Amino acid sequence: MPESTTHIEFWRVLKDKTAHLDKIDCYFEQCIAIAAPNGAYELIYSKNKGTLNKEKLKMPYNGSNYPLGQAFEAINRAMTWDEMTDEQKKAFDAPLIEKINAALDKLCETGFILS
């Protein structure tokens, strides 16, 4: 798969903007909205605190189609997303998946039925 120019440019800008910083604490936040046809909805939030690995930022973009995955290390893991195995990624995402399932259960209680 060819590298995305947008991803390459993002990686370059990220490297340029962080090059002078000594410590790069940051977080990755997600918001997932689930809406039912009956108008009911649930919002699920997930926030992963961490840091950008300065050594990884010195490397050329790896073409993973997820540039932050090459450098972001959450505080509850000592590796980047790109370094994790599929099983480690599933375990990391398990709490978010539980929140999504609970939200779906709540929506089903409103009379919306998943088929």
PDB file of N, CA and C in Angstrom:
ATOM      1  N   MET A   1       0.849  -1.169   0.000  1.00  0.00           N
ATOM      2  CA  MET A   1       0.000   0.000   0.000  1.00  0.00           C
ATOM      3  C   MET A   1       0.900   1.240   0.000  1.00  0.00           C
ATOM      4  N   PRO A   2       0.650   2.180  -0.890  1.00  0.00           N
ATOM      5  CA  PRO A   2       1.492   3.382  -0.922  1.00  0.00           C
ATOM      6  C   PRO A   2       1.268   4.240   0.321  1.00  0.00           C
ATOM      7  N   GLU A   3       2.324   4.895   0.756  1.00  0.00           N
ATOM      8  CA  GLU A   3       2.222   5.759   1.925  1.00  0.00           C
ATOM      9  C   GLU A   3       1.345   6.965   1.598  1.00  0.00           C
ATOM     10  N   SER A   4       0.557   7.370   2.541  1.00  0.00           N
ATOM     11  CA  SER A   4      -0.292   8.535   2.376  1.00  0.00           C
ATOM     12  C   SER A   4       0.540   9.803   2.536  1.00  0.00           C
ATOM     13  N   THR A   5       0.399  10.712   1.595  1.00  0.00           N
ATOM     14  CA  THR A   5       1.097  11.991   1.700  1.00  0.00           C
ATOM     15  C   THR A   5       0.670  12.711   2.967  1.00  0.00           C
ATOM     16  N   THR A   6      -0.594  12.584   3.327  1.00  0.00           N
ATOM     17  CA  THR A   6      -1.086  13.216   4.543  1.00  0.00           C
ATOM     18  C   THR A   6      -0.376  12.659   5.770  1.00  0.00           C
ATOM     19  N   HIS A   7      -0.196  11.346   5.838  1.00  0.00           N
ATOM     20  CA  HIS A   7       0.491  10.732   6.974  1.00  0.00           C
ATOM     21  C   HIS A   7       1.961  11.143   7.016  1.00  0.00           C
ATOM     22  N   ILE A   8       2.589  11.184   5.880  1.00  0.00           N
ATOM     23  CA  ILE A   8       3.997  11.599   5.816  1.00  0.00           C
ATOM     24  C   ILE A   8       4.133  13.049   6.290  1.00  0.00           C
ATOM     25  N   GLU A   9       3.244  13.897   5.830  1.00  0.00           N
ATOM     26  CA  GLU A   9       3.279  15.304   6.228  1.00  0.00           C
ATOM     27  C   GLU A   9       2.990  15.441   7.726  1.00  0.00           C
ATOM     28  N   PHE A  10       2.037  14.691   8.237  1.00  0.00           N
ATOM     29  CA  PHE A  10       1.731  14.723   9.671  1.00  0.00           C
ATOM     30  C   PHE A  10       2.975  14.346  10.470  1.00  0.00           C
ATOM     31  N   TRP A  11       3.658  13.290  10.061  1.00  0.00           N
ATOM     32  CA  TRP A  11       4.859  12.827  10.757  1.00  0.00           C
ATOM     33  C   TRP A  11       5.938  13.909  10.753  1.00  0.00           C
ATOM     34  N   ARG A  12       6.114  14.572   9.620  1.00  0.00           N
ATOM     35  CA  ARG A  12       7.120  15.635   9.506  1.00  0.00           C
ATOM     36  C   ARG A  12       6.775  16.789  10.445  1.00  0.00           C
ATOM     37  N   VAL A  13       5.520  17.213  10.437  1.00  0.00           N
ATOM     38  CA  VAL A  13       5.093  18.319  11.297  1.00  0.00           C
ATOM     39  C   VAL A  13       5.239  17.926  12.770  1.00  0.00           C
ATOM     40  N   LEU A  14       4.844  16.711  13.134  1.00  0.00           N
ATOM     41  CA  LEU A  14       4.977  16.235  14.509  1.00  0.00           C
ATOM     42  C   LEU A  14       6.439  16.281  14.950  1.00  0.00           C
ATOM     43  N   LYS A  15       7.325  15.788  14.104  1.00  0.00           N
ATOM     44  CA  LYS A  15       8.758  15.812  14.434  1.00  0.00           C
ATOM     45  C   LYS A  15       9.259  17.241  14.592  1.00  0.00           C
ATOM     46  N   ASP A  16       8.881  18.113  13.666  1.00  0.00           N
ATOM     47  CA  ASP A  16       9.333  19.510  13.713  1.00  0.00           C
ATOM     48  C   ASP A  16       8.822  20.232  14.959  1.00  0.00           C
ATOM     49  N   LYS A  17       7.557  20.042  15.297  1.00  0.00           N
ATOM     50  CA  LYS A  17       6.943  20.751  16.425  1.00  0.00           C
ATOM     51  C   LYS A  17       7.434  20.251  17.783  1.00  0.00           C
ATOM     52  N   THR A  18       7.940  19.021  17.844  1.00  0.00           N
ATOM     53  CA  THR A  18       8.368  18.459  19.125  1.00  0.00           C
ATOM     54  C   THR A  18       9.884  18.385  19.282  1.00  0.00           C
ATOM     55  N   ALA A  19      10.625  18.704  18.255  1.00  0.00           N
ATOM     56  CA  ALA A  19      12.087  18.541  18.272  1.00  0.00           C
ATOM     57  C   ALA A  19      12.759  19.303  19.414  1.00  0.00           C
ATOM     58  N   HIS A  20      12.275  20.461  19.768  1.00  0.00           N
ATOM     59  CA  HIS A  20      12.902  21.288  20.807  1.00  0.00           C
ATOM     60  C   HIS A  20      12.407  20.968  22.220  1.00  0.00           C
ATOM     61  N   LEU A  21      11.442  20.101  22.346  1.00  0.00           N
ATOM     62  CA  LEU A  21      10.880  19.792  23.666  1.00  0.00           C
ATOM     63  C   LEU A  21      11.672  18.684  24.359  1.00  0.00           C
ATOM     64  N   ASP A  22      11.867  18.836  25.665  1.00  0.00           N
ATOM     65  CA  ASP A  22      12.573  17.808  26.431  1.00  0.00           C
ATOM     66  C   ASP A  22      11.647  16.666  26.826  1.00  0.00           C
ATOM     67  N   LYS A  23      10.442  17.014  27.251  1.00  0.00           N
ATOM     68  CA  LYS A  23       9.487  16.020  27.698  1.00  0.00           C
ATOM     69  C   LYS A  23       8.193  16.229  26.925  1.00  0.00           C
ATOM     70  N   ILE A  24       7.652  15.159  26.400  1.00  0.00           N
ATOM     71  CA  ILE A  24       6.467  15.295  25.549  1.00  0.00           C
ATOM     72  C   ILE A  24       5.316  14.473  26.127  1.00  0.00           C
ATOM     73  N   ASP A  25       4.788  14.937  27.265  1.00  0.00           N
ATOM     74  CA  ASP A  25       3.607  14.300  27.834  1.00  0.00           C
ATOM     75  C   ASP A  25       2.401  14.701  26.990  1.00  0.00           C
ATOM     76  N   CYS A  26       1.521  13.759  26.780  1.00  0.00           N
ATOM     77  CA  CYS A  26       0.356  14.032  25.954  1.00  0.00           C
ATOM     78  C   CYS A  26      -0.720  13.004  26.267  1.00  0.00           C
ATOM     79  N   TYR A  27      -1.817  13.088  25.559  1.00  0.00           N
ATOM     80  CA  TYR A  27      -2.854  12.086  25.700  1.00  0.00           C
ATOM     81  C   TYR A  27      -3.559  11.907  24.367  1.00  0.00           C
ATOM     82  N   PHE A  28      -4.190  10.768  24.248  1.00  0.00           N
ATOM     83  CA  PHE A  28      -4.967  10.412  23.068  1.00  0.00           C
ATOM     84  C   PHE A  28      -6.390  10.223  23.551  1.00  0.00           C
ATOM     85  N   GLU A  29      -7.319  11.028  23.032  1.00  0.00           N
ATOM     86  CA  GLU A  29      -8.698  10.968  23.496  1.00  0.00           C
ATOM     87  C   GLU A  29      -9.624  10.589  22.345  1.00  0.00           C
ATOM     88  N   GLN A  30     -10.579   9.738  22.665  1.00  0.00           N
ATOM     89  CA  GLN A  30     -11.569   9.307  21.685  1.00  0.00           C
ATOM     90  C   GLN A  30     -12.959   9.574  22.232  1.00  0.00           C
ATOM     91  N   CYS A  31     -13.884   9.838  21.329  1.00  0.00           N
ATOM     92  CA  CYS A  31     -15.290   9.922  21.681  1.00  0.00           C
ATOM     93  C   CYS A  31     -16.049   9.131  20.618  1.00  0.00           C
ATOM     94  N   ILE A  32     -16.842   8.189  21.073  1.00  0.00           N
ATOM     95  CA  ILE A  32     -17.626   7.359  20.171  1.00  0.00           C
ATOM     96  C   ILE A  32     -19.097   7.638  20.470  1.00  0.00           C
ATOM     97  N   ALA A  33     -19.848   7.971  19.439  1.00  0.00           N
ATOM     98  CA  ALA A  33     -21.280   8.208  19.585  1.00  0.00           C
ATOM     99  C   ALA A  33     -22.030   7.053  18.941  1.00  0.00           C
ATOM    100  N   ILE A  34     -22.990   6.520  19.674  1.00  0.00           N
ATOM    101  CA  ILE A  34     -23.855   5.471  19.147  1.00  0.00           C
ATOM    102  C   ILE A  34     -25.278   6.018  19.208  1.00  0.00           C
ATOM    103  N   ALA A  35     -25.923   6.097  18.054  1.00  0.00           N
ATOM    104  CA  ALA A  35     -27.280   6.631  17.984  1.00  0.00           C
ATOM    105  C   ALA A  35     -28.230   5.567  17.454  1.00  0.00           C
ATOM    106  N   ALA A  36     -29.393   5.509  18.073  1.00  0.00           N
ATOM    107  CA  ALA A  36     -30.426   4.559  17.668  1.00  0.00           C
ATOM    108  C   ALA A  36     -31.479   5.289  16.830  1.00  0.00           C
ATOM    109  N   PRO A  37     -32.188   4.563  15.982  1.00  0.00           N
ATOM    110  CA  PRO A  37     -33.227   5.186  15.155  1.00  0.00           C
ATOM    111  C   PRO A  37     -34.328   5.872  15.974  1.00  0.00           C
ATOM    112  N   ASN A  38     -34.525   5.445  17.220  1.00  0.00           N
ATOM    113  CA  ASN A  38     -35.572   6.049  18.043  1.00  0.00           C
ATOM    114  C   ASN A  38     -35.122   7.356  18.708  1.00  0.00           C
ATOM    115  N   GLY A  39     -33.903   7.805  18.402  1.00  0.00           N
ATOM    116  CA  GLY A  39     -33.398   9.068  18.940  1.00  0.00           C
ATOM    117  C   GLY A  39     -32.534   8.921  20.181  1.00  0.00           C
ATOM    118  N   ALA A  40     -32.535   7.757  20.783  1.00  0.00           N
ATOM    119  CA  ALA A  40     -31.672   7.537  21.950  1.00  0.00           C
ATOM    120  C   ALA A  40     -30.214   7.487  21.482  1.00  0.00           C
ATOM    121  N   TYR A  41     -29.325   7.925  22.337  1.00  0.00           N
ATOM    122  CA  TYR A  41     -27.904   7.875  21.991  1.00  0.00           C
ATOM    123  C   TYR A  41     -27.059   7.716  23.244  1.00  0.00           C
ATOM    124  N   GLU A  42     -25.864   7.249  23.042  1.00  0.00           N
ATOM    125  CA  GLU A  42     -24.871   7.112  24.114  1.00  0.00           C
ATOM    126  C   GLU A  42     -23.544   7.652  23.599  1.00  0.00           C
ATOM    127  N   LEU A  43     -22.815   8.322  24.471  1.00  0.00           N
ATOM    128  CA  LEU A  43     -21.473   8.806  24.163  1.00  0.00           C
ATOM    129  C   LEU A  43     -20.478   8.042  25.026  1.00  0.00           C
ATOM    130  N   ILE A  44     -19.431   7.556  24.408  1.00  0.00           N
ATOM    131  CA  ILE A  44     -18.399   6.813  25.125  1.00  0.00           C
ATOM    132  C   ILE A  44     -17.087   7.582  24.958  1.00  0.00           C
ATOM    133  N   TYR A  45     -16.426   7.843  26.083  1.00  0.00           N
ATOM    134  CA  TYR A  45     -15.157   8.561  26.057  1.00  0.00           C
ATOM    135  C   TYR A  45     -14.024   7.646  26.518  1.00  0.00           C
ATOM    136  N   SER A  46     -12.884   7.845  25.915  1.00  0.00           N
ATOM    137  CA  SER A  46     -11.690   7.101  26.306  1.00  0.00           C
ATOM    138  C   SER A  46     -10.508   8.063  26.233  1.00  0.00           C
ATOM    139  N   LYS A  47      -9.702   8.070  27.281  1.00  0.00           N
ATOM    140  CA  LYS A  47      -8.534   8.960  27.310  1.00  0.00           C
ATOM    141  C   LYS A  47      -7.324   8.150  27.755  1.00  0.00           C
ATOM    142  N   ASN A  48      -6.296   8.138  26.910  1.00  0.00           N
ATOM    143  CA  ASN A  48      -5.053   7.432  27.217  1.00  0.00           C
ATOM    144  C   ASN A  48      -3.939   8.451  27.399  1.00  0.00           C
ATOM    145  N   LYS A  49      -3.461   8.569  28.630  1.00  0.00           N
ATOM    146  CA  LYS A  49      -2.344   9.476  28.908  1.00  0.00           C
ATOM    147  C   LYS A  49      -1.045   8.765  28.570  1.00  0.00           C
ATOM    148  N   GLY A  50      -0.078   9.540  28.132  1.00  0.00           N
ATOM    149  CA  GLY A  50       1.203   8.948  27.785  1.00  0.00           C
ATOM    150  C   GLY A  50       2.227   9.988  27.407  1.00  0.00           C
ATOM    151  N   THR A  51       3.126   9.565  26.550  1.00  0.00           N
ATOM    152  CA  THR A  51       4.210  10.431  26.094  1.00  0.00           C
ATOM    153  C   THR A  51       4.600  10.049  24.674  1.00  0.00           C
ATOM    154  N   LEU A  52       5.214  10.975  23.989  1.00  0.00           N
ATOM    155  CA  LEU A  52       5.789  10.668  22.681  1.00  0.00           C
ATOM    156  C   LEU A  52       7.240  10.270  22.906  1.00  0.00           C
ATOM    157  N   ASN A  53       7.625   9.143  22.378  1.00  0.00           N
ATOM    158  CA  ASN A  53       8.986   8.623  22.533  1.00  0.00           C
ATOM    159  C   ASN A  53       9.922   9.416  21.618  1.00  0.00           C
ATOM    160  N   LYS A  54      10.846  10.164  22.232  1.00  0.00           N
ATOM    161  CA  LYS A  54      11.761  11.033  21.468  1.00  0.00           C
ATOM    162  C   LYS A  54      12.631  10.243  20.496  1.00  0.00           C
ATOM    163  N   GLU A  55      13.059   9.051  20.889  1.00  0.00           N
ATOM    164  CA  GLU A  55      13.904   8.239  20.004  1.00  0.00           C
ATOM    165  C   GLU A  55      13.125   7.777  18.777  1.00  0.00           C
ATOM    166  N   LYS A  56      11.853   7.417  18.984  1.00  0.00           N
ATOM    167  CA  LYS A  56      11.017   6.978  17.860  1.00  0.00           C
ATOM    168  C   LYS A  56      10.727   8.138  16.914  1.00  0.00           C
ATOM    169  N   LEU A  57      10.624   9.358  17.471  1.00  0.00           N
ATOM    170  CA  LEU A  57      10.365  10.530  16.642  1.00  0.00           C
ATOM    171  C   LEU A  57      11.545  10.879  15.743  1.00  0.00           C
ATOM    172  N   LYS A  58      12.730  10.419  16.085  1.00  0.00           N
ATOM    173  CA  LYS A  58      13.911  10.682  15.253  1.00  0.00           C
ATOM    174  C   LYS A  58      13.941   9.792  14.010  1.00  0.00           C
ATOM    175  N   MET A  59      13.158   8.729  14.024  1.00  0.00           N
ATOM    176  CA  MET A  59      13.154   7.768  12.922  1.00  0.00           C
ATOM    177  C   MET A  59      12.299   8.276  11.761  1.00  0.00           C
ATOM    178  N   PRO A  60      12.582   7.775  10.556  1.00  0.00           N
ATOM    179  CA  PRO A  60      11.699   8.114   9.435  1.00  0.00           C
ATOM    180  C   PRO A  60      10.327   7.484   9.645  1.00  0.00           C
ATOM    181  N   TYR A  61       9.318   8.067   9.027  1.00  0.00           N
ATOM    182  CA  TYR A  61       7.959   7.526   9.142  1.00  0.00           C
ATOM    183  C   TYR A  61       7.944   6.102   8.616  1.00  0.00           C
ATOM    184  N   ASN A  62       7.283   5.204   9.360  1.00  0.00           N
ATOM    185  CA  ASN A  62       7.299   3.783   9.005  1.00  0.00           C
ATOM    186  C   ASN A  62       6.170   3.353   8.070  1.00  0.00           C
ATOM    187  N   GLY A  63       5.292   4.260   7.687  1.00  0.00           N
ATOM    188  CA  GLY A  63       4.244   3.934   6.730  1.00  0.00           C
ATOM    189  C   GLY A  63       3.116   3.087   7.277  1.00  0.00           C
ATOM    190  N   SER A  64       2.913   3.097   8.587  1.00  0.00           N
ATOM    191  CA  SER A  64       1.924   2.217   9.214  1.00  0.00           C
ATOM    192  C   SER A  64       0.476   2.666   9.016  1.00  0.00           C
ATOM    193  N   ASN A  65       0.243   3.794   8.384  1.00  0.00           N
ATOM    194  CA  ASN A  65      -1.092   4.383   8.216  1.00  0.00           C
ATOM    195  C   ASN A  65      -1.698   4.843   9.530  1.00  0.00           C
ATOM    196  N   TYR A  66      -0.903   4.926  10.563  1.00  0.00           N
ATOM    197  CA  TYR A  66      -1.301   5.474  11.862  1.00  0.00           C
ATOM    198  C   TYR A  66      -0.048   6.098  12.472  1.00  0.00           C
ATOM    199  N   PRO A  67       0.312   7.296  12.018  1.00  0.00           N
ATOM    200  CA  PRO A  67       1.592   7.892  12.427  1.00  0.00           C
ATOM    201  C   PRO A  67       1.829   7.951  13.927  1.00  0.00           C
ATOM    202  N   LEU A  68       0.817   8.290  14.725  1.00  0.00           N
ATOM    203  CA  LEU A  68       1.037   8.367  16.172  1.00  0.00           C
ATOM    204  C   LEU A  68       1.381   7.016  16.772  1.00  0.00           C
ATOM    205  N   GLY A  69       0.957   5.948  16.134  1.00  0.00           N
ATOM    206  CA  GLY A  69       1.247   4.601  16.614  1.00  0.00           C
ATOM    207  C   GLY A  69       2.725   4.280  16.629  1.00  0.00           C
ATOM    208  N   GLN A  70       3.500   5.046  15.902  1.00  0.00           N
ATOM    209  CA  GLN A  70       4.943   4.840  15.854  1.00  0.00           C
ATOM    210  C   GLN A  70       5.648   5.462  17.058  1.00  0.00           C
ATOM    211  N   ALA A  71       5.035   6.481  17.701  1.00  0.00           N
ATOM    212  CA  ALA A  71       5.744   7.211  18.748  1.00  0.00           C
ATOM    213  C   ALA A  71       5.011   7.306  20.087  1.00  0.00           C
ATOM    214  N   PHE A  72       3.679   7.177  20.101  1.00  0.00           N
ATOM    215  CA  PHE A  72       2.926   7.361  21.344  1.00  0.00           C
ATOM    216  C   PHE A  72       3.008   6.122  22.225  1.00  0.00           C
ATOM    217  N   GLU A  73       3.399   6.338  23.483  1.00  0.00           N
ATOM    218  CA  GLU A  73       3.441   5.272  24.483  1.00  0.00           C
ATOM    219  C   GLU A  73       2.528   5.673  25.636  1.00  0.00           C
ATOM    220  N   ALA A  74       1.462   4.917  25.845  1.00  0.00           N
ATOM    221  CA  ALA A  74       0.555   5.183  26.960  1.00  0.00           C
ATOM    222  C   ALA A  74       1.286   4.870  28.272  1.00  0.00           C
ATOM    223  N   ILE A  75       0.866   5.538  29.345  1.00  0.00           N
ATOM    224  CA  ILE A  75       1.552   5.336  30.627  1.00  0.00           C
ATOM    225  C   ILE A  75       1.389   3.920  31.157  1.00  0.00           C
ATOM    226  N   ASN A  76       0.367   3.213  30.708  1.00  0.00           N
ATOM    227  CA  ASN A  76       0.149   1.854  31.206  1.00  0.00           C
ATOM    228  C   ASN A  76       0.728   0.785  30.280  1.00  0.00           C
ATOM    229  N   ARG A  77       1.622   1.192  29.387  1.00  0.00           N
ATOM    230  CA  ARG A  77       2.353   0.209  28.580  1.00  0.00           C
ATOM    231  C   ARG A  77       3.701   0.814  28.202  1.00  0.00           C
ATOM    232  N   ALA A  78       4.694  -0.012  28.062  1.00  0.00           N
ATOM    233  CA  ALA A  78       6.055   0.469  27.794  1.00  0.00           C
ATOM    234  C   ALA A  78       6.450   0.258  26.337  1.00  0.00           C
ATOM    235  N   MET A  79       5.480   0.402  25.444  1.00  0.00           N
ATOM    236  CA  MET A  79       5.771   0.242  24.024  1.00  0.00           C
ATOM    237  C   MET A  79       4.765   1.048  23.215  1.00  0.00           C
ATOM    238  N   THR A  80       5.107   1.281  21.974  1.00  0.00           N
ATOM    239  CA  THR A  80       4.193   2.002  21.095  1.00  0.00           C
ATOM    240  C   THR A  80       3.131   1.050  20.555  1.00  0.00           C
ATOM    241  N   TRP A  81       2.089   1.609  19.986  1.00  0.00           N
ATOM    242  CA  TRP A  81       1.018   0.814  19.376  1.00  0.00           C
ATOM    243  C   TRP A  81       1.598  -0.080  18.287  1.00  0.00           C
ATOM    244  N   ASP A  82       2.489   0.463  17.477  1.00  0.00           N
ATOM    245  CA  ASP A  82       3.085  -0.313  16.382  1.00  0.00           C
ATOM    246  C   ASP A  82       3.914  -1.490  16.873  1.00  0.00           C
ATOM    247  N   GLU A  83       4.441  -1.399  18.088  1.00  0.00           N
ATOM    248  CA  GLU A  83       5.260  -2.483  18.641  1.00  0.00           C
ATOM    249  C   GLU A  83       4.425  -3.582  19.298  1.00  0.00           C
ATOM    250  N   MET A  84       3.161  -3.305  19.553  1.00  0.00           N
ATOM    251  CA  MET A  84       2.302  -4.273  20.241  1.00  0.00           C
ATOM    252  C   MET A  84       1.839  -5.374  19.294  1.00  0.00           C
ATOM    253  N   THR A  85       1.651  -6.554  19.852  1.00  0.00           N
ATOM    254  CA  THR A  85       1.070  -7.655  19.087  1.00  0.00           C
ATOM    255  C   THR A  85      -0.438  -7.431  19.009  1.00  0.00           C
ATOM    256  N   ASP A  86      -1.100  -8.171  18.145  1.00  0.00           N
ATOM    257  CA  ASP A  86      -2.555  -8.061  18.057  1.00  0.00           C
ATOM    258  C   ASP A  86      -3.220  -8.403  19.383  1.00  0.00           C
ATOM    259  N   GLU A  87      -2.703  -9.400  20.080  1.00  0.00           N
ATOM    260  CA  GLU A  87      -3.268  -9.783  21.378  1.00  0.00           C
ATOM    261  C   GLU A  87      -3.100  -8.666  22.406  1.00  0.00           C
ATOM    262  N   GLN A  88      -1.947  -8.001  22.410  1.00  0.00           N
ATOM    263  CA  GLN A  88      -1.723  -6.892  23.336  1.00  0.00           C
ATOM    264  C   GLN A  88      -2.661  -5.722  23.020  1.00  0.00           C
ATOM    265  N   LYS A  89      -2.897  -5.472  21.737  1.00  0.00           N
ATOM    266  CA  LYS A  89      -3.818  -4.401  21.345  1.00  0.00           C
ATOM    267  C   LYS A  89      -5.241  -4.726  21.797  1.00  0.00           C
ATOM    268  N   LYS A  90      -5.647  -5.973  21.646  1.00  0.00           N
ATOM    269  CA  LYS A  90      -6.987  -6.383  22.086  1.00  0.00           C
ATOM    270  C   LYS A  90      -7.129  -6.199  23.596  1.00  0.00           C
ATOM    271  N   ALA A  91      -6.117  -6.584  24.349  1.00  0.00           N
ATOM    272  CA  ALA A  91      -6.156  -6.438  25.807  1.00  0.00           C
ATOM    273  C   ALA A  91      -6.197  -4.958  26.194  1.00  0.00           C
ATOM    274  N   PHE A  92      -5.443  -4.144  25.504  1.00  0.00           N
ATOM    275  CA  PHE A  92      -5.412  -2.707  25.779  1.00  0.00           C
ATOM    276  C   PHE A  92      -6.777  -2.075  25.510  1.00  0.00           C
ATOM    277  N   ASP A  93      -7.441  -2.514  24.440  1.00  0.00           N
ATOM    278  CA  ASP A  93      -8.735  -1.958  24.051  1.00  0.00           C
ATOM    279  C   ASP A  93      -9.915  -2.557  24.815  1.00  0.00           C
ATOM    280  N   ALA A  94      -9.686  -3.598  25.595  1.00  0.00           N
ATOM    281  CA  ALA A  94     -10.781  -4.294  26.284  1.00  0.00           C
ATOM    282  C   ALA A  94     -11.656  -3.362  27.129  1.00  0.00           C
ATOM    283  N   PRO A  95     -11.104  -2.442  27.930  1.00  0.00           N
ATOM    284  CA  PRO A  95     -11.974  -1.559  28.720  1.00  0.00           C
ATOM    285  C   PRO A  95     -12.876  -0.680  27.841  1.00  0.00           C
ATOM    286  N   LEU A  96     -12.353  -0.203  26.724  1.00  0.00           N
ATOM    287  CA  LEU A  96     -13.172   0.604  25.811  1.00  0.00           C
ATOM    288  C   LEU A  96     -14.276  -0.252  25.193  1.00  0.00           C
ATOM    289  N   ILE A  97     -13.959  -1.461  24.806  1.00  0.00           N
ATOM    290  CA  ILE A  97     -14.953  -2.364  24.227  1.00  0.00           C
ATOM    291  C   ILE A  97     -16.051  -2.657  25.256  1.00  0.00           C
ATOM    292  N   GLU A  98     -15.675  -2.802  26.525  1.00  0.00           N
ATOM    293  CA  GLU A  98     -16.675  -3.023  27.580  1.00  0.00           C
ATOM    294  C   GLU A  98     -17.626  -1.831  27.694  1.00  0.00           C
ATOM    295  N   LYS A  99     -17.077  -0.610  27.593  1.00  0.00           N
ATOM    296  CA  LYS A  99     -17.915   0.592  27.633  1.00  0.00           C
ATOM    297  C   LYS A  99     -18.870   0.622  26.439  1.00  0.00           C
ATOM    298  N   ILE A 100     -18.381   0.242  25.269  1.00  0.00           N
ATOM    299  CA  ILE A 100     -19.223   0.224  24.065  1.00  0.00           C
ATOM    300  C   ILE A 100     -20.345  -0.798  24.226  1.00  0.00           C
ATOM    301  N   ASN A 101     -20.015  -1.980  24.720  1.00  0.00           N
ATOM    302  CA  ASN A 101     -21.033  -3.013  24.932  1.00  0.00           C
ATOM    303  C   ASN A 101     -22.079  -2.567  25.952  1.00  0.00           C
ATOM    304  N   ALA A 102     -21.653  -1.904  27.012  1.00  0.00           N
ATOM    305  CA  ALA A 102     -22.599  -1.410  28.021  1.00  0.00           C
ATOM    306  C   ALA A 102     -23.518  -0.347  27.413  1.00  0.00           C
ATOM    307  N   ALA A 103     -22.967   0.514  26.567  1.00  0.00           N
ATOM    308  CA  ALA A 103     -23.776   1.542  25.908  1.00  0.00           C
ATOM    309  C   ALA A 103     -24.790   0.902  24.969  1.00  0.00           C
ATOM    310  N   LEU A 104     -24.366  -0.126  24.237  1.00  0.00           N
ATOM    311  CA  LEU A 104     -25.294  -0.835  23.352  1.00  0.00           C
ATOM    312  C   LEU A 104     -26.407  -1.501  24.156  1.00  0.00           C
ATOM    313  N   ASP A 105     -26.049  -2.109  25.281  1.00  0.00           N
ATOM    314  CA  ASP A 105     -27.057  -2.723  26.151  1.00  0.00           C
ATOM    315  C   ASP A 105     -28.069  -1.677  26.618  1.00  0.00           C
ATOM    316  N   LYS A 106     -27.579  -0.520  27.009  1.00  0.00           N
ATOM    317  CA  LYS A 106     -28.452   0.556  27.484  1.00  0.00           C
ATOM    318  C   LYS A 106     -29.389   1.020  26.374  1.00  0.00           C
ATOM    319  N   LEU A 107     -28.859   1.138  25.152  1.00  0.00           N
ATOM    320  CA  LEU A 107     -29.703   1.544  24.028  1.00  0.00           C
ATOM    321  C   LEU A 107     -30.763   0.494  23.727  1.00  0.00           C
ATOM    322  N   CYS A 108     -30.405  -0.754  23.851  1.00  0.00           N
ATOM    323  CA  CYS A 108     -31.379  -1.829  23.607  1.00  0.00           C
ATOM    324  C   CYS A 108     -32.524  -1.759  24.604  1.00  0.00           C
ATOM    325  N   GLU A 109     -32.245  -1.302  25.815  1.00  0.00           N
ATOM    326  CA  GLU A 109     -33.288  -1.148  26.832  1.00  0.00           C
ATOM    327  C   GLU A 109     -34.289  -0.061  26.476  1.00  0.00           C
ATOM    328  N   THR A 110     -33.918   0.848  25.561  1.00  0.00           N
ATOM    329  CA  THR A 110     -34.826   1.921  25.157  1.00  0.00           C
ATOM    330  C   THR A 110     -35.841   1.444  24.131  1.00  0.00           C
ATOM    331  N   GLY A 111     -35.737   0.187  23.727  1.00  0.00           N
ATOM    332  CA  GLY A 111     -36.661  -0.340  22.739  1.00  0.00           C
ATOM    333  C   GLY A 111     -36.054  -0.509  21.371  1.00  0.00           C
ATOM    334  N   PHE A 112     -34.835  -0.050  21.212  1.00  0.00           N
ATOM    335  CA  PHE A 112     -34.134  -0.258  19.946  1.00  0.00           C
ATOM    336  C   PHE A 112     -33.556  -1.653  19.958  1.00  0.00           C
ATOM    337  N   ILE A 113     -33.856  -2.434  18.967  1.00  0.00           N
ATOM    338  CA  ILE A 113     -33.403  -3.834  18.910  1.00  0.00           C
ATOM    339  C   ILE A 113     -32.377  -4.000  17.802  1.00  0.00           C
ATOM    340  N   LEU A 114     -31.212  -4.541  18.147  1.00  0.00           N
ATOM    341  CA  LEU A 114     -30.190  -4.844  17.132  1.00  0.00           C
ATOM    342  C   LEU A 114     -30.597  -6.120  16.415  1.00  0.00           C
ATOM    343  N   SER A 115     -30.483  -6.100  15.105  1.00  0.00           N
ATOM    344  CA  SER A 115     -30.831  -7.323  14.366  1.00  0.00           C
ATOM    345  C   SER A 115     -29.628  -7.893  13.683  1.00  0.00           C
TER     346      SER A 115
END
